[in-house]
Amino acid sequence: MEVRKRSGSTEIYMPEKIVVSAVKNGCPYEVAKDIASALSSRTESVIESSEIRSFVLSELRSRGASSAADSWESYDTSSKSSS
């Protein structure tokens, strides 16, 4: 699966990026790994980065990691406003 970034470029989906980002934002490792695995099992050949973000945030909240989701959103908002 490839990820289409906001810039329009694409890159290969790497589940490790989801795991690392989620753990850095306070998510338990096993939960982060499960979320990345769920994304890996999707059948699309190309997925938008915004769709990944929405999926991950939704999964974090539904799995009891709301504070990690809030932290991720806060970081994402601040990093986008400074670019």
PDB file of N, CA and C in Angstrom:
ATOM      1  N   MET A   1       0.853  -1.170   0.000  1.00  0.00           N
ATOM      2  CA  MET A   1       0.000   0.000   0.000  1.00  0.00           C
ATOM      3  C   MET A   1       0.901   1.237   0.000  1.00  0.00           C
ATOM      4  N   GLU A   2       0.458   2.257  -0.709  1.00  0.00           N
ATOM      5  CA  GLU A   2       1.175   3.531  -0.730  1.00  0.00           C
ATOM      6  C   GLU A   2       0.345   4.598  -0.013  1.00  0.00           C
ATOM      7  N   VAL A   3       1.045   5.586   0.522  1.00  0.00           N
ATOM      8  CA  VAL A   3       0.411   6.707   1.204  1.00  0.00           C
ATOM      9  C   VAL A   3       0.590   7.944   0.341  1.00  0.00           C
ATOM     10  N   ARG A   4      -0.533   8.610   0.032  1.00  0.00           N
ATOM     11  CA  ARG A   4      -0.458   9.888  -0.686  1.00  0.00           C
ATOM     12  C   ARG A   4      -0.434  10.993   0.355  1.00  0.00           C
ATOM     13  N   LYS A   5       0.665  11.724   0.365  1.00  0.00           N
ATOM     14  CA  LYS A   5       0.866  12.788   1.346  1.00  0.00           C
ATOM     15  C   LYS A   5       0.162  14.069   0.904  1.00  0.00           C
ATOM     16  N   ARG A   6       0.106  15.039   1.803  1.00  0.00           N
ATOM     17  CA  ARG A   6      -0.557  16.320   1.487  1.00  0.00           C
ATOM     18  C   ARG A   6       0.080  16.998   0.279  1.00  0.00           C
ATOM     19  N   SER A   7       1.369  16.808   0.097  1.00  0.00           N
ATOM     20  CA  SER A   7       2.082  17.438  -1.014  1.00  0.00           C
ATOM     21  C   SER A   7       1.750  16.796  -2.357  1.00  0.00           C
ATOM     22  N   GLY A   8       1.102  15.624  -2.316  1.00  0.00           N
ATOM     23  CA  GLY A   8       0.784  14.901  -3.541  1.00  0.00           C
ATOM     24  C   GLY A   8       1.762  13.775  -3.822  1.00  0.00           C
ATOM     25  N   SER A   9       2.896  13.777  -3.150  1.00  0.00           N
ATOM     26  CA  SER A   9       3.860  12.699  -3.341  1.00  0.00           C
ATOM     27  C   SER A   9       3.357  11.434  -2.646  1.00  0.00           C
ATOM     28  N   THR A  10       3.923  10.305  -3.014  1.00  0.00           N
ATOM     29  CA  THR A  10       3.539   9.045  -2.379  1.00  0.00           C
ATOM     30  C   THR A  10       4.765   8.370  -1.786  1.00  0.00           C
ATOM     31  N   GLU A  11       4.511   7.544  -0.785  1.00  0.00           N
ATOM     32  CA  GLU A  11       5.565   6.731  -0.188  1.00  0.00           C
ATOM     33  C   GLU A  11       4.940   5.414   0.251  1.00  0.00           C
ATOM     34  N   ILE A  12       5.762   4.407   0.416  1.00  0.00           N
ATOM     35  CA  ILE A  12       5.290   3.105   0.868  1.00  0.00           C
ATOM     36  C   ILE A  12       4.796   3.227   2.311  1.00  0.00           C
ATOM     37  N   TYR A  13       3.659   2.596   2.601  1.00  0.00           N
ATOM     38  CA  TYR A  13       3.131   2.584   3.966  1.00  0.00           C
ATOM     39  C   TYR A  13       4.077   1.793   4.860  1.00  0.00           C
ATOM     40  N   MET A  14       4.491   2.411   5.957  1.00  0.00           N
ATOM     41  CA  MET A  14       5.366   1.759   6.928  1.00  0.00           C
ATOM     42  C   MET A  14       4.670   1.778   8.288  1.00  0.00           C
ATOM     43  N   PRO A  15       4.169   0.617   8.712  1.00  0.00           N
ATOM     44  CA  PRO A  15       3.436   0.562   9.976  1.00  0.00           C
ATOM     45  C   PRO A  15       4.247   1.061  11.168  1.00  0.00           C
ATOM     46  N   GLU A  16       5.570   0.938  11.080  1.00  0.00           N
ATOM     47  CA  GLU A  16       6.429   1.391  12.180  1.00  0.00           C
ATOM     48  C   GLU A  16       6.218   2.877  12.477  1.00  0.00           C
ATOM     49  N   LYS A  17       5.932   3.672  11.447  1.00  0.00           N
ATOM     50  CA  LYS A  17       5.722   5.108  11.656  1.00  0.00           C
ATOM     51  C   LYS A  17       4.498   5.363  12.535  1.00  0.00           C
ATOM     52  N   ILE A  18       3.448   4.573  12.336  1.00  0.00           N
ATOM     53  CA  ILE A  18       2.236   4.705  13.146  1.00  0.00           C
ATOM     54  C   ILE A  18       2.554   4.316  14.587  1.00  0.00           C
ATOM     55  N   VAL A  19       3.247   3.188  14.752  1.00  0.00           N
ATOM     56  CA  VAL A  19       3.577   2.704  16.096  1.00  0.00           C
ATOM     57  C   VAL A  19       4.418   3.742  16.842  1.00  0.00           C
ATOM     58  N   VAL A  20       5.472   4.233  16.209  1.00  0.00           N
ATOM     59  CA  VAL A  20       6.360   5.199  16.859  1.00  0.00           C
ATOM     60  C   VAL A  20       5.603   6.474  17.233  1.00  0.00           C
ATOM     61  N   SER A  21       4.819   6.997  16.301  1.00  0.00           N
ATOM     62  CA  SER A  21       4.072   8.230  16.573  1.00  0.00           C
ATOM     63  C   SER A  21       3.071   8.039  17.707  1.00  0.00           C
ATOM     64  N   ALA A  22       2.364   6.932  17.693  1.00  0.00           N
ATOM     65  CA  ALA A  22       1.364   6.688  18.731  1.00  0.00           C
ATOM     66  C   ALA A  22       2.025   6.530  20.101  1.00  0.00           C
ATOM     67  N   VAL A  23       3.103   5.771  20.164  1.00  0.00           N
ATOM     68  CA  VAL A  23       3.801   5.564  21.437  1.00  0.00           C
ATOM     69  C   VAL A  23       4.382   6.882  21.955  1.00  0.00           C
ATOM     70  N   LYS A  24       4.951   7.693  21.059  1.00  0.00           N
ATOM     71  CA  LYS A  24       5.492   8.997  21.479  1.00  0.00           C
ATOM     72  C   LYS A  24       4.410   9.897  22.062  1.00  0.00           C
ATOM     73  N   ASN A  25       3.172   9.668  21.644  1.00  0.00           N
ATOM     74  CA  ASN A  25       2.062  10.486  22.132  1.00  0.00           C
ATOM     75  C   ASN A  25       1.338   9.851  23.318  1.00  0.00           C
ATOM     76  N   GLY A  26       1.922   8.783  23.878  1.00  0.00           N
ATOM     77  CA  GLY A  26       1.380   8.205  25.102  1.00  0.00           C
ATOM     78  C   GLY A  26       0.544   6.959  24.944  1.00  0.00           C
ATOM     79  N   CYS A  27       0.489   6.396  23.776  1.00  0.00           N
ATOM     80  CA  CYS A  27      -0.297   5.183  23.542  1.00  0.00           C
ATOM     81  C   CYS A  27       0.522   3.956  23.970  1.00  0.00           C
ATOM     82  N   PRO A  28      -0.114   2.971  24.591  1.00  0.00           N
ATOM     83  CA  PRO A  28       0.604   1.731  24.906  1.00  0.00           C
ATOM     84  C   PRO A  28       1.082   1.047  23.616  1.00  0.00           C
ATOM     85  N   TYR A  29       2.264   0.451  23.675  1.00  0.00           N
ATOM     86  CA  TYR A  29       2.881  -0.160  22.501  1.00  0.00           C
ATOM     87  C   TYR A  29       1.964  -1.177  21.818  1.00  0.00           C
ATOM     88  N   GLU A  30       1.360  -2.064  22.581  1.00  0.00           N
ATOM     89  CA  GLU A  30       0.517  -3.118  21.989  1.00  0.00           C
ATOM     90  C   GLU A  30      -0.690  -2.531  21.249  1.00  0.00           C
ATOM     91  N   VAL A  31      -1.278  -1.488  21.802  1.00  0.00           N
ATOM     92  CA  VAL A  31      -2.416  -0.828  21.149  1.00  0.00           C
ATOM     93  C   VAL A  31      -1.948  -0.190  19.842  1.00  0.00           C
ATOM     94  N   ALA A  32      -0.819   0.490  19.892  1.00  0.00           N
ATOM     95  CA  ALA A  32      -0.269   1.128  18.686  1.00  0.00           C
ATOM     96  C   ALA A  32       0.017   0.090  17.612  1.00  0.00           C
ATOM     97  N   LYS A  33       0.586  -1.037  18.023  1.00  0.00           N
ATOM     98  CA  LYS A  33       0.910  -2.111  17.085  1.00  0.00           C
ATOM     99  C   LYS A  33      -0.359  -2.690  16.452  1.00  0.00           C
ATOM    100  N   ASP A  34      -1.406  -2.855  17.254  1.00  0.00           N
ATOM    101  CA  ASP A  34      -2.690  -3.373  16.739  1.00  0.00           C
ATOM    102  C   ASP A  34      -3.313  -2.410  15.720  1.00  0.00           C
ATOM    103  N   ILE A  35      -3.234  -1.115  16.006  1.00  0.00           N
ATOM    104  CA  ILE A  35      -3.788  -0.116  15.092  1.00  0.00           C
ATOM    105  C   ILE A  35      -3.028  -0.132  13.769  1.00  0.00           C
ATOM    106  N   ALA A  36      -1.711  -0.164  13.833  1.00  0.00           N
ATOM    107  CA  ALA A  36      -0.891  -0.213  12.613  1.00  0.00           C
ATOM    108  C   ALA A  36      -1.179  -1.486  11.823  1.00  0.00           C
ATOM    109  N   SER A  37      -1.376  -2.576  12.519  1.00  0.00           N
ATOM    110  CA  SER A  37      -1.685  -3.850  11.868  1.00  0.00           C
ATOM    111  C   SER A  37      -3.043  -3.791  11.166  1.00  0.00           C
ATOM    112  N   ALA A  38      -4.016  -3.159  11.816  1.00  0.00           N
ATOM    113  CA  ALA A  38      -5.340  -3.014  11.210  1.00  0.00           C
ATOM    114  C   ALA A  38      -5.248  -2.205   9.919  1.00  0.00           C
ATOM    115  N   LEU A  39      -4.417  -1.175   9.929  1.00  0.00           N
ATOM    116  CA  LEU A  39      -4.223  -0.381   8.712  1.00  0.00           C
ATOM    117  C   LEU A  39      -3.536  -1.216   7.632  1.00  0.00           C
ATOM    118  N   SER A  40      -2.579  -2.020   8.025  1.00  0.00           N
ATOM    119  CA  SER A  40      -1.835  -2.849   7.071  1.00  0.00           C
ATOM    120  C   SER A  40      -2.739  -3.840   6.354  1.00  0.00           C
ATOM    121  N   SER A  41      -3.812  -4.257   7.015  1.00  0.00           N
ATOM    122  CA  SER A  41      -4.684  -5.268   6.422  1.00  0.00           C
ATOM    123  C   SER A  41      -5.711  -4.679   5.450  1.00  0.00           C
ATOM    124  N   ARG A  42      -5.723  -3.374   5.299  1.00  0.00           N
ATOM    125  CA  ARG A  42      -6.659  -2.746   4.351  1.00  0.00           C
ATOM    126  C   ARG A  42      -6.246  -3.077   2.928  1.00  0.00           C
ATOM    127  N   THR A  43      -7.216  -3.034   2.031  1.00  0.00           N
ATOM    128  CA  THR A  43      -6.970  -3.520   0.669  1.00  0.00           C
ATOM    129  C   THR A  43      -6.701  -2.427  -0.361  1.00  0.00           C
ATOM    130  N   GLU A  44      -6.791  -1.153   0.025  1.00  0.00           N
ATOM    131  CA  GLU A  44      -6.526  -0.093  -0.940  1.00  0.00           C
ATOM    132  C   GLU A  44      -5.066  -0.158  -1.388  1.00  0.00           C
ATOM    133  N   SER A  45      -4.829   0.250  -2.635  1.00  0.00           N
ATOM    134  CA  SER A  45      -3.434   0.321  -3.098  1.00  0.00           C
ATOM    135  C   SER A  45      -2.821   1.662  -2.723  1.00  0.00           C
ATOM    136  N   VAL A  46      -3.669   2.711  -2.613  1.00  0.00           N
ATOM    137  CA  VAL A  46      -3.206   4.038  -2.200  1.00  0.00           C
ATOM    138  C   VAL A  46      -4.194   4.568  -1.165  1.00  0.00           C
ATOM    139  N   ILE A  47      -3.650   5.131  -0.089  1.00  0.00           N
ATOM    140  CA  ILE A  47      -4.486   5.713   0.959  1.00  0.00           C
ATOM    141  C   ILE A  47      -3.970   7.118   1.253  1.00  0.00           C
ATOM    142  N   GLU A  48      -4.882   8.033   1.476  1.00  0.00           N
ATOM    143  CA  GLU A  48      -4.517   9.421   1.781  1.00  0.00           C
ATOM    144  C   GLU A  48      -3.981   9.512   3.208  1.00  0.00           C
ATOM    145  N   SER A  49      -2.983  10.341   3.430  1.00  0.00           N
ATOM    146  CA  SER A  49      -2.428  10.507   4.776  1.00  0.00           C
ATOM    147  C   SER A  49      -3.501  11.015   5.744  1.00  0.00           C
ATOM    148  N   SER A  50      -4.412  11.851   5.257  1.00  0.00           N
ATOM    149  CA  SER A  50      -5.480  12.363   6.124  1.00  0.00           C
ATOM    150  C   SER A  50      -6.418  11.241   6.559  1.00  0.00           C
ATOM    151  N   GLU A  51      -6.614  10.252   5.703  1.00  0.00           N
ATOM    152  CA  GLU A  51      -7.459   9.113   6.050  1.00  0.00           C
ATOM    153  C   GLU A  51      -6.780   8.257   7.118  1.00  0.00           C
ATOM    154  N   ILE A  52      -5.463   8.110   7.012  1.00  0.00           N
ATOM    155  CA  ILE A  52      -4.714   7.375   8.036  1.00  0.00           C
ATOM    156  C   ILE A  52      -4.849   8.089   9.365  1.00  0.00           C
ATOM    157  N   ARG A  53      -4.662   9.399   9.353  1.00  0.00           N
ATOM    158  CA  ARG A  53      -4.752  10.190  10.577  1.00  0.00           C
ATOM    159  C   ARG A  53      -6.122  10.021  11.223  1.00  0.00           C
ATOM    160  N   SER A  54      -7.189  10.137  10.454  1.00  0.00           N
ATOM    161  CA  SER A  54      -8.543   9.987  10.992  1.00  0.00           C
ATOM    162  C   SER A  54      -8.756   8.594  11.576  1.00  0.00           C
ATOM    163  N   PHE A  55      -8.279   7.581  10.863  1.00  0.00           N
ATOM    164  CA  PHE A  55      -8.418   6.202  11.324  1.00  0.00           C
ATOM    165  C   PHE A  55      -7.689   6.002  12.650  1.00  0.00           C
ATOM    166  N   VAL A  56      -6.446   6.452  12.707  1.00  0.00           N
ATOM    167  CA  VAL A  56      -5.634   6.268  13.913  1.00  0.00           C
ATOM    168  C   VAL A  56      -6.266   6.996  15.103  1.00  0.00           C
ATOM    169  N   LEU A  57      -6.681   8.235  14.913  1.00  0.00           N
ATOM    170  CA  LEU A  57      -7.293   8.990  16.008  1.00  0.00           C
ATOM    171  C   LEU A  57      -8.573   8.312  16.500  1.00  0.00           C
ATOM    172  N   SER A  58      -9.386   7.849  15.581  1.00  0.00           N
ATOM    173  CA  SER A  58     -10.619   7.155  15.942  1.00  0.00           C
ATOM    174  C   SER A  58     -10.312   5.873  16.718  1.00  0.00           C
ATOM    175  N   GLU A  59      -9.341   5.112  16.238  1.00  0.00           N
ATOM    176  CA  GLU A  59      -8.959   3.871  16.909  1.00  0.00           C
ATOM    177  C   GLU A  59      -8.382   4.138  18.296  1.00  0.00           C
ATOM    178  N   LEU A  60      -7.554   5.153  18.416  1.00  0.00           N
ATOM    179  CA  LEU A  60      -6.999   5.493  19.729  1.00  0.00           C
ATOM    180  C   LEU A  60      -8.114   5.769  20.726  1.00  0.00           C
ATOM    181  N   ARG A  61      -9.088   6.555  20.304  1.00  0.00           N
ATOM    182  CA  ARG A  61     -10.199   6.905  21.198  1.00  0.00           C
ATOM    183  C   ARG A  61     -11.058   5.684  21.536  1.00  0.00           C
ATOM    184  N   SER A  62     -11.326   4.852  20.543  1.00  0.00           N
ATOM    185  CA  SER A  62     -12.180   3.682  20.800  1.00  0.00           C
ATOM    186  C   SER A  62     -11.473   2.621  21.639  1.00  0.00           C
ATOM    187  N   ARG A  63     -10.149   2.688  21.708  1.00  0.00           N
ATOM    188  CA  ARG A  63      -9.380   1.711  22.486  1.00  0.00           C
ATOM    189  C   ARG A  63      -8.922   2.276  23.829  1.00  0.00           C
ATOM    190  N   GLY A  64      -9.515   3.386  24.243  1.00  0.00           N
ATOM    191  CA  GLY A  64      -9.225   3.937  25.557  1.00  0.00           C
ATOM    192  C   GLY A  64      -7.951   4.749  25.655  1.00  0.00           C
ATOM    193  N   ALA A  65      -7.430   5.199  24.517  1.00  0.00           N
ATOM    194  CA  ALA A  65      -6.203   6.003  24.524  1.00  0.00           C
ATOM    195  C   ALA A  65      -6.510   7.433  24.069  1.00  0.00           C
ATOM    196  N   SER A  66      -7.569   8.003  24.631  1.00  0.00           N
ATOM    197  CA  SER A  66      -7.995   9.347  24.234  1.00  0.00           C
ATOM    198  C   SER A  66      -6.930  10.398  24.475  1.00  0.00           C
ATOM    199  N   SER A  67      -6.181  10.267  25.559  1.00  0.00           N
ATOM    200  CA  SER A  67      -5.146  11.270  25.829  1.00  0.00           C
ATOM    201  C   SER A  67      -4.055  11.216  24.764  1.00  0.00           C
ATOM    202  N   ALA A  68      -3.749  10.018  24.256  1.00  0.00           N
ATOM    203  CA  ALA A  68      -2.770   9.896  23.166  1.00  0.00           C
ATOM    204  C   ALA A  68      -3.317  10.545  21.899  1.00  0.00           C
ATOM    205  N   ALA A  69      -4.612  10.363  21.639  1.00  0.00           N
ATOM    206  CA  ALA A  69      -5.242  10.978  20.463  1.00  0.00           C
ATOM    207  C   ALA A  69      -5.221  12.494  20.582  1.00  0.00           C
ATOM    208  N   ASP A  70      -5.534  13.000  21.769  1.00  0.00           N
ATOM    209  CA  ASP A  70      -5.513  14.451  21.982  1.00  0.00           C
ATOM    210  C   ASP A  70      -4.105  15.008  21.790  1.00  0.00           C
ATOM    211  N   SER A  71      -3.120  14.292  22.318  1.00  0.00           N
ATOM    212  CA  SER A  71      -1.728  14.711  22.188  1.00  0.00           C
ATOM    213  C   SER A  71      -1.305  14.713  20.718  1.00  0.00           C
ATOM    214  N   TRP A  72      -1.703  13.678  19.975  1.00  0.00           N
ATOM    215  CA  TRP A  72      -1.374  13.567  18.553  1.00  0.00           C
ATOM    216  C   TRP A  72      -1.986  14.741  17.797  1.00  0.00           C
ATOM    217  N   GLU A  73      -3.260  15.026  18.069  1.00  0.00           N
ATOM    218  CA  GLU A  73      -3.935  16.139  17.391  1.00  0.00           C
ATOM    219  C   GLU A  73      -3.270  17.469  17.704  1.00  0.00           C
ATOM    220  N   SER A  74      -2.912  17.661  18.953  1.00  0.00           N
ATOM    221  CA  SER A  74      -2.255  18.898  19.359  1.00  0.00           C
ATOM    222  C   SER A  74      -0.923  19.073  18.641  1.00  0.00           C
ATOM    223  N   TYR A  75      -0.128  18.014  18.587  1.00  0.00           N
ATOM    224  CA  TYR A  75       1.160  18.074  17.892  1.00  0.00           C
ATOM    225  C   TYR A  75       0.941  18.329  16.405  1.00  0.00           C
ATOM    226  N   ASP A  76      -0.019  17.613  15.822  1.00  0.00           N
ATOM    227  CA  ASP A  76      -0.292  17.734  14.390  1.00  0.00           C
ATOM    228  C   ASP A  76      -0.714  19.151  14.034  1.00  0.00           C
ATOM    229  N   THR A  77      -1.566  19.743  14.844  1.00  0.00           N
ATOM    230  CA  THR A  77      -2.033  21.111  14.613  1.00  0.00           C
ATOM    231  C   THR A  77      -0.878  22.115  14.712  1.00  0.00           C
ATOM    232  N   SER A  78      -0.057  21.963  15.746  1.00  0.00           N
ATOM    233  CA  SER A  78       1.058  22.903  15.920  1.00  0.00           C
ATOM    234  C   SER A  78       2.121  22.747  14.844  1.00  0.00           C
ATOM    235  N   SER A  79       2.364  21.516  14.390  1.00  0.00           N
ATOM    236  CA  SER A  79       3.389  21.312  13.362  1.00  0.00           C
ATOM    237  C   SER A  79       2.922  21.823  12.000  1.00  0.00           C
ATOM    238  N   LYS A  80       1.629  21.727  11.736  1.00  0.00           N
ATOM    239  CA  LYS A  80       1.112  22.215  10.459  1.00  0.00           C
ATOM    240  C   LYS A  80       1.062  23.739  10.427  1.00  0.00           C
ATOM    241  N   SER A  81       0.818  24.353  11.569  1.00  0.00           N
ATOM    242  CA  SER A  81       0.736  25.818  11.594  1.00  0.00           C
ATOM    243  C   SER A  81       2.112  26.452  11.496  1.00  0.00           C
ATOM    244  N   SER A  82       3.157  25.701  11.836  1.00  0.00           N
ATOM    245  CA  SER A  82       4.519  26.267  11.749  1.00  0.00           C
ATOM    246  C   SER A  82       5.181  25.981  10.402  1.00  0.00           C
ATOM    247  N   SER A  83       4.517  25.174   9.533  1.00  0.00           N
ATOM    248  CA  SER A  83       5.118  24.904   8.224  1.00  0.00           C
ATOM    249  C   SER A  83       4.601  25.812   7.152  1.00  0.00           C
TER     250      SER A  83
END
